[in-house]
Amino acid sequence: MSSRYATADSSTIGIAWAALVAYSLVVCALHFGGLEYEIYTAIWWWDLLTHSLSGFGVAAWLCFVRFTPFEPTHLIALPLAVVAIGAGFEVYEYLFKDFYVEWTLAFYAVDTVLDLILDGVGALVFALWYAGRRRDDVTGATQS
């Protein structure tokens, strides 16, 4: 076992992997279901929901595979990394948007900014939650 997981037992790591996979599948289902059933156009906030949930999930993946052990500087680095990944996806989306949308450049620019903000907000919510959880784990361990 890698030293970066030294504080967790193998069953905890297995549960974390399973939870990440399950969460990812749910977010993918929401996204692709939204495309297939035109929920994105029917419910104005669907894009906001999927981007914030995606930001949370990508932050969880990054935290698990890269930002372990979690440090206070990761509260800034993790959301920035998620926004960078989101920016890459937005470039991809822009290049291939003609397959599924016909937006003006101005509308697309606003959508992109909102998407990246929500990616970052989702990541920040995860980072704050995880930092609080880690703090509680450390506090609980020292009080025992």
Protein backbone atom coordinates (compact mmCIF):
# COMPACT_ATOMS: atom_id res chain seq x y z
CA MET A 1 0.00 0.00 0.00
CA SER A 2 1.28 3.46 -0.87
CA SER A 3 2.42 5.60 2.05
CA ARG A 4 -0.02 8.32 1.05
CA TYR A 5 -2.86 6.00 2.11
CA ALA A 6 -1.11 4.95 5.32
CA THR A 7 -3.89 6.34 7.52
CA ALA A 8 -6.66 4.41 5.75
CA ASP A 9 -7.28 0.69 5.77
CA SER A 10 -7.90 -1.20 2.53
CA SER A 11 -11.67 -1.53 3.11
CA THR A 12 -11.97 2.25 3.50
CA ILE A 13 -10.05 2.79 0.27
CA GLY A 14 -12.25 0.24 -1.51
CA ILE A 15 -15.39 1.99 -0.30
CA ALA A 16 -14.01 5.36 -1.44
CA TRP A 17 -13.27 3.99 -4.93
CA ALA A 18 -16.74 2.43 -5.16
CA ALA A 19 -18.37 5.68 -4.02
CA LEU A 20 -16.39 7.70 -6.58
CA VAL A 21 -17.36 5.35 -9.39
CA ALA A 22 -21.03 5.36 -8.33
CA TYR A 23 -21.09 9.16 -8.04
CA SER A 24 -19.46 9.49 -11.45
CA LEU A 25 -22.02 7.20 -13.03
CA VAL A 26 -24.90 9.20 -11.52
CA VAL A 27 -23.45 12.50 -12.80
CA CYS A 28 -22.88 10.98 -16.25
CA ALA A 29 -26.46 9.70 -16.28
CA LEU A 30 -27.75 13.17 -15.37
CA HIS A 31 -25.65 14.75 -18.12
CA PHE A 32 -26.34 12.29 -20.93
CA GLY A 33 -29.96 11.89 -19.84
CA GLY A 34 -30.24 15.67 -19.98
CA LEU A 35 -28.95 15.64 -23.55
CA GLU A 36 -31.03 12.68 -24.70
CA TYR A 37 -34.32 13.86 -23.20
CA GLU A 38 -33.68 17.57 -23.84
CA ILE A 39 -33.78 18.38 -20.14
CA TYR A 40 -31.11 21.04 -20.64
CA THR A 41 -33.56 23.08 -22.71
CA ALA A 42 -36.64 22.24 -20.61
CA ILE A 43 -35.19 22.99 -17.17
CA TRP A 44 -33.07 26.15 -17.13
CA TRP A 45 -31.00 25.16 -14.08
CA TRP A 46 -30.08 21.64 -15.29
CA ASP A 47 -26.74 22.87 -16.69
CA LEU A 48 -25.99 24.59 -13.37
CA LEU A 49 -26.75 21.38 -11.49
CA THR A 50 -24.64 19.13 -13.68
CA HIS A 51 -21.65 21.48 -13.66
CA SER A 52 -21.64 21.93 -9.90
CA LEU A 53 -22.02 18.17 -9.36
CA SER A 54 -19.27 17.54 -11.91
CA GLY A 55 -16.96 20.01 -10.20
CA PHE A 56 -17.57 18.25 -6.89
CA GLY A 57 -16.89 14.84 -8.47
CA VAL A 58 -13.76 15.86 -10.36
CA ALA A 59 -12.43 17.42 -7.15
CA ALA A 60 -13.10 14.14 -5.34
CA TRP A 61 -11.20 12.18 -7.98
CA LEU A 62 -8.30 14.61 -7.91
CA CYS A 63 -8.21 14.58 -4.13
CA PHE A 64 -8.16 10.81 -4.04
CA VAL A 65 -5.53 10.24 -6.72
CA ARG A 66 -3.37 13.37 -6.42
CA PHE A 67 -4.08 15.57 -3.40
CA THR A 68 -3.49 12.94 -0.72
CA PRO A 69 -2.66 13.70 2.01
CA PHE A 70 -4.86 16.78 1.99
CA GLU A 71 -3.15 20.03 2.99
CA PRO A 72 -4.59 23.53 3.59
CA THR A 73 -3.13 24.82 0.29
CA HIS A 74 -5.32 22.31 -1.52
CA LEU A 75 -8.37 24.44 -0.66
CA ILE A 76 -7.12 26.76 -3.40
CA ALA A 77 -5.26 24.33 -5.65
CA LEU A 78 -8.08 21.80 -5.96
CA PRO A 79 -10.75 24.22 -7.29
CA LEU A 80 -8.17 25.80 -9.62
CA ALA A 81 -7.25 22.38 -11.00
CA VAL A 82 -10.93 21.56 -11.54
CA VAL A 83 -11.52 24.88 -13.33
CA ALA A 84 -8.49 24.15 -15.56
CA ILE A 85 -9.92 20.74 -16.44
CA GLY A 86 -13.31 22.37 -17.03
CA ALA A 87 -11.69 24.93 -19.33
CA GLY A 88 -10.24 22.09 -21.39
CA PHE A 89 -13.69 20.56 -21.66
CA GLU A 90 -15.18 23.93 -22.64
CA VAL A 91 -12.69 24.17 -25.52
CA TYR A 92 -13.74 20.69 -26.63
CA GLU A 93 -17.41 21.66 -26.30
CA TYR A 94 -16.86 24.82 -28.35
CA LEU A 95 -15.06 22.96 -31.12
CA PHE A 96 -17.84 20.37 -31.43
CA LYS A 97 -20.88 22.42 -30.39
CA ASP A 98 -22.31 22.51 -33.90
CA PHE A 99 -23.33 18.89 -33.46
CA TYR A 100 -25.85 19.72 -30.75
CA VAL A 101 -26.38 23.47 -30.31
CA GLU A 102 -26.61 26.60 -32.37
CA TRP A 103 -25.58 29.36 -29.99
CA THR A 104 -24.27 32.81 -30.68
CA LEU A 105 -20.70 33.50 -29.61
CA ALA A 106 -21.97 35.91 -26.93
CA PHE A 107 -24.34 33.30 -25.47
CA TYR A 108 -21.61 30.67 -25.56
CA ALA A 109 -19.19 33.01 -23.76
CA VAL A 110 -21.68 33.62 -20.93
CA ASP A 111 -22.46 29.90 -20.71
CA THR A 112 -18.76 29.07 -20.53
CA VAL A 113 -18.10 31.55 -17.73
CA LEU A 114 -21.06 30.21 -15.73
CA ASP A 115 -19.97 26.62 -16.34
CA LEU A 116 -16.45 27.32 -15.08
CA ILE A 117 -17.72 29.20 -12.03
CA LEU A 118 -19.98 26.30 -11.13
CA ASP A 119 -17.20 23.78 -11.72
CA GLY A 120 -15.10 25.78 -9.27
CA VAL A 121 -17.93 26.14 -6.75
CA GLY A 122 -18.55 22.39 -6.80
CA ALA A 123 -14.83 21.78 -6.28
CA LEU A 124 -14.66 24.32 -3.46
CA VAL A 125 -17.65 22.71 -1.71
CA PHE A 126 -15.87 19.35 -1.93
CA ALA A 127 -12.57 20.83 -0.69
CA LEU A 128 -14.26 22.49 2.29
CA TRP A 129 -16.22 19.35 3.11
CA TYR A 130 -13.15 17.15 2.85
CA ALA A 131 -10.95 19.53 4.84
CA GLY A 132 -13.57 19.60 7.59
CA ARG A 133 -13.82 15.83 7.53
CA ARG A 134 -10.05 15.42 7.73
CA ARG A 135 -9.88 17.94 10.58
CA ASP A 136 -12.56 15.98 12.46
CA ASP A 137 -10.63 12.74 11.86
CA VAL A 138 -7.42 14.26 13.23
CA THR A 139 -9.20 15.89 16.17
CA GLY A 140 -11.00 12.65 17.00
CA ALA A 141 -7.77 10.69 16.82
CA THR A 142 -5.93 13.04 19.18
CA GLN A 143 -8.79 13.07 21.70
CA SER A 144 -8.91 9.27 21.92
